[in-house]
Amino acid sequence: MPIAKVRGLNINYEVVGDEGPFVTLITGGRRGYAEFVPLAHKIAAEGFRVLLHDRRNTGA
């Protein structure tokens, strides 16, 4: 799982798909992005790149 350092904070993220326009899926509440991985693969199969990320103080 890649980690981006944003304003001193580590944010876990994943990009699903290799080409096409970007779509971002953002979870609600305190859930991590892992529950969106199956949906991200379906969207990517339609020609999109999908950015998933954990919100601050959530996920892994």
N, C-alpha and C. Protein backbone atom coordinates (compact mmCIF):
# COMPACT_ATOMS: atom_id res chain seq x y z
N MET A 1 0.84 -1.16 0.00
CA MET A 1 0.00 0.00 0.00
C MET A 1 0.89 1.23 0.00
N PRO A 2 0.80 2.07 -1.03
CA PRO A 2 1.59 3.30 -1.07
C PRO A 2 1.13 4.27 0.02
N ILE A 3 2.04 5.12 0.41
CA ILE A 3 1.74 6.14 1.42
C ILE A 3 2.18 7.49 0.87
N ALA A 4 1.29 8.47 0.93
CA ALA A 4 1.63 9.85 0.55
C ALA A 4 1.78 10.67 1.82
N LYS A 5 2.81 11.48 1.87
CA LYS A 5 2.99 12.37 3.00
C LYS A 5 2.38 13.72 2.61
N VAL A 6 1.31 14.11 3.29
CA VAL A 6 0.58 15.34 2.99
C VAL A 6 0.56 16.21 4.23
N ARG A 7 1.22 17.35 4.17
CA ARG A 7 1.29 18.28 5.30
C ARG A 7 1.73 17.59 6.58
N GLY A 8 2.71 16.70 6.44
CA GLY A 8 3.27 16.01 7.59
C GLY A 8 2.50 14.78 8.03
N LEU A 9 1.42 14.43 7.35
CA LEU A 9 0.61 13.26 7.70
C LEU A 9 0.79 12.18 6.65
N ASN A 10 0.80 10.93 7.08
CA ASN A 10 0.87 9.80 6.16
C ASN A 10 -0.55 9.38 5.78
N ILE A 11 -0.83 9.34 4.48
CA ILE A 11 -2.14 8.94 3.97
C ILE A 11 -1.95 7.71 3.09
N ASN A 12 -2.62 6.62 3.43
CA ASN A 12 -2.58 5.39 2.63
C ASN A 12 -3.47 5.57 1.40
N TYR A 13 -2.98 5.10 0.25
CA TYR A 13 -3.78 5.22 -0.96
C TYR A 13 -3.47 4.07 -1.91
N GLU A 14 -4.31 3.94 -2.92
CA GLU A 14 -4.12 2.93 -3.96
C GLU A 14 -4.76 3.46 -5.24
N VAL A 15 -4.12 3.22 -6.37
CA VAL A 15 -4.70 3.54 -7.67
C VAL A 15 -4.98 2.23 -8.38
N VAL A 16 -6.23 2.03 -8.78
CA VAL A 16 -6.65 0.82 -9.49
C VAL A 16 -6.90 1.21 -10.94
N GLY A 17 -6.29 0.50 -11.87
CA GLY A 17 -6.43 0.80 -13.29
C GLY A 17 -5.18 1.48 -13.81
N ASP A 18 -4.89 1.27 -15.10
CA ASP A 18 -3.66 1.79 -15.69
C ASP A 18 -3.86 2.99 -16.59
N GLU A 19 -5.07 3.22 -17.06
CA GLU A 19 -5.29 4.34 -17.98
C GLU A 19 -6.72 4.81 -17.91
N GLY A 20 -6.95 5.98 -18.46
CA GLY A 20 -8.29 6.56 -18.46
C GLY A 20 -8.41 7.69 -17.46
N PRO A 21 -9.56 8.35 -17.45
CA PRO A 21 -9.79 9.44 -16.51
C PRO A 21 -9.82 8.93 -15.07
N PHE A 22 -9.46 9.82 -14.16
CA PHE A 22 -9.48 9.45 -12.74
C PHE A 22 -10.87 9.61 -12.15
N VAL A 23 -11.21 8.68 -11.27
CA VAL A 23 -12.40 8.73 -10.43
C VAL A 23 -11.90 8.51 -9.01
N THR A 24 -12.44 9.24 -8.05
CA THR A 24 -12.04 9.05 -6.66
C THR A 24 -13.22 8.52 -5.87
N LEU A 25 -13.00 7.46 -5.10
CA LEU A 25 -14.01 6.93 -4.19
C LEU A 25 -13.58 7.28 -2.77
N ILE A 26 -14.46 7.90 -2.01
CA ILE A 26 -14.14 8.34 -0.65
C ILE A 26 -15.13 7.70 0.30
N THR A 27 -14.63 7.03 1.32
CA THR A 27 -15.50 6.39 2.30
C THR A 27 -16.09 7.43 3.24
N GLY A 28 -17.14 7.04 3.91
CA GLY A 28 -17.74 7.89 4.92
C GLY A 28 -17.41 7.36 6.30
N GLY A 29 -17.65 8.16 7.30
CA GLY A 29 -17.39 7.73 8.67
C GLY A 29 -15.93 7.45 8.89
N ARG A 30 -15.64 6.43 9.67
CA ARG A 30 -14.26 6.09 10.02
C ARG A 30 -13.78 4.83 9.31
N ARG A 31 -14.39 4.51 8.19
CA ARG A 31 -14.00 3.31 7.45
C ARG A 31 -12.81 3.58 6.55
N GLY A 32 -12.01 2.56 6.32
CA GLY A 32 -10.88 2.66 5.40
C GLY A 32 -11.33 2.36 3.98
N TYR A 33 -10.42 2.57 3.03
CA TYR A 33 -10.78 2.41 1.62
C TYR A 33 -10.91 0.95 1.19
N ALA A 34 -10.46 0.01 2.00
CA ALA A 34 -10.42 -1.40 1.58
C ALA A 34 -11.78 -1.93 1.14
N GLU A 35 -12.86 -1.45 1.72
CA GLU A 35 -14.18 -1.95 1.33
C GLU A 35 -14.58 -1.53 -0.08
N PHE A 36 -13.90 -0.54 -0.64
CA PHE A 36 -14.20 -0.08 -2.00
C PHE A 36 -13.34 -0.76 -3.07
N VAL A 37 -12.41 -1.60 -2.68
CA VAL A 37 -11.50 -2.21 -3.66
C VAL A 37 -12.27 -3.02 -4.72
N PRO A 38 -13.23 -3.88 -4.35
CA PRO A 38 -13.95 -4.63 -5.40
C PRO A 38 -14.69 -3.70 -6.38
N LEU A 39 -15.32 -2.65 -5.87
CA LEU A 39 -16.00 -1.69 -6.74
C LEU A 39 -15.00 -0.96 -7.63
N ALA A 40 -13.85 -0.61 -7.08
CA ALA A 40 -12.81 0.08 -7.86
C ALA A 40 -12.36 -0.77 -9.04
N HIS A 41 -12.24 -2.07 -8.85
CA HIS A 41 -11.83 -2.96 -9.95
C HIS A 41 -12.90 -3.01 -11.04
N LYS A 42 -14.16 -2.98 -10.66
CA LYS A 42 -15.24 -2.97 -11.66
C LYS A 42 -15.23 -1.67 -12.46
N ILE A 43 -15.01 -0.56 -11.77
CA ILE A 43 -14.96 0.74 -12.46
C ILE A 43 -13.75 0.80 -13.38
N ALA A 44 -12.60 0.30 -12.90
CA ALA A 44 -11.38 0.30 -13.71
C ALA A 44 -11.55 -0.54 -14.97
N ALA A 45 -12.31 -1.63 -14.87
CA ALA A 45 -12.54 -2.49 -16.04
C ALA A 45 -13.32 -1.76 -17.13
N GLU A 46 -13.98 -0.66 -16.78
CA GLU A 46 -14.72 0.14 -17.75
C GLU A 46 -13.88 1.28 -18.34
N GLY A 47 -12.57 1.30 -18.02
CA GLY A 47 -11.68 2.27 -18.64
C GLY A 47 -11.30 3.47 -17.79
N PHE A 48 -11.43 3.35 -16.48
CA PHE A 48 -11.08 4.44 -15.59
C PHE A 48 -9.92 4.06 -14.69
N ARG A 49 -9.24 5.05 -14.15
CA ARG A 49 -8.30 4.85 -13.04
C ARG A 49 -9.03 5.31 -11.79
N VAL A 50 -8.94 4.52 -10.75
CA VAL A 50 -9.69 4.82 -9.53
C VAL A 50 -8.72 5.07 -8.39
N LEU A 51 -8.83 6.23 -7.78
CA LEU A 51 -8.02 6.59 -6.61
C LEU A 51 -8.81 6.27 -5.36
N LEU A 52 -8.22 5.46 -4.51
CA LEU A 52 -8.78 5.14 -3.20
C LEU A 52 -7.81 5.69 -2.16
N HIS A 53 -8.33 6.23 -1.09
CA HIS A 53 -7.43 6.69 -0.02
C HIS A 53 -8.15 6.66 1.31
N ASP A 54 -7.37 6.52 2.36
CA ASP A 54 -7.93 6.61 3.70
C ASP A 54 -8.04 8.07 4.09
N ARG A 55 -9.12 8.41 4.72
CA ARG A 55 -9.25 9.77 5.25
C ARG A 55 -8.42 9.87 6.52
N ARG A 56 -8.11 11.05 6.94
CA ARG A 56 -7.29 11.26 8.13
C ARG A 56 -7.91 10.55 9.34
N ASN A 57 -7.06 9.86 10.09
CA ASN A 57 -7.45 9.11 11.30
C ASN A 57 -8.39 7.94 11.01
N THR A 58 -8.33 7.39 9.79
CA THR A 58 -9.15 6.22 9.47
C THR A 58 -8.30 5.19 8.75
N GLY A 59 -8.87 4.01 8.52
CA GLY A 59 -8.19 2.97 7.73
C GLY A 59 -7.05 2.32 8.47
N ALA A 60 -6.01 1.95 7.71
CA ALA A 60 -4.90 1.18 8.26
C ALA A 60 -4.08 1.97 9.25
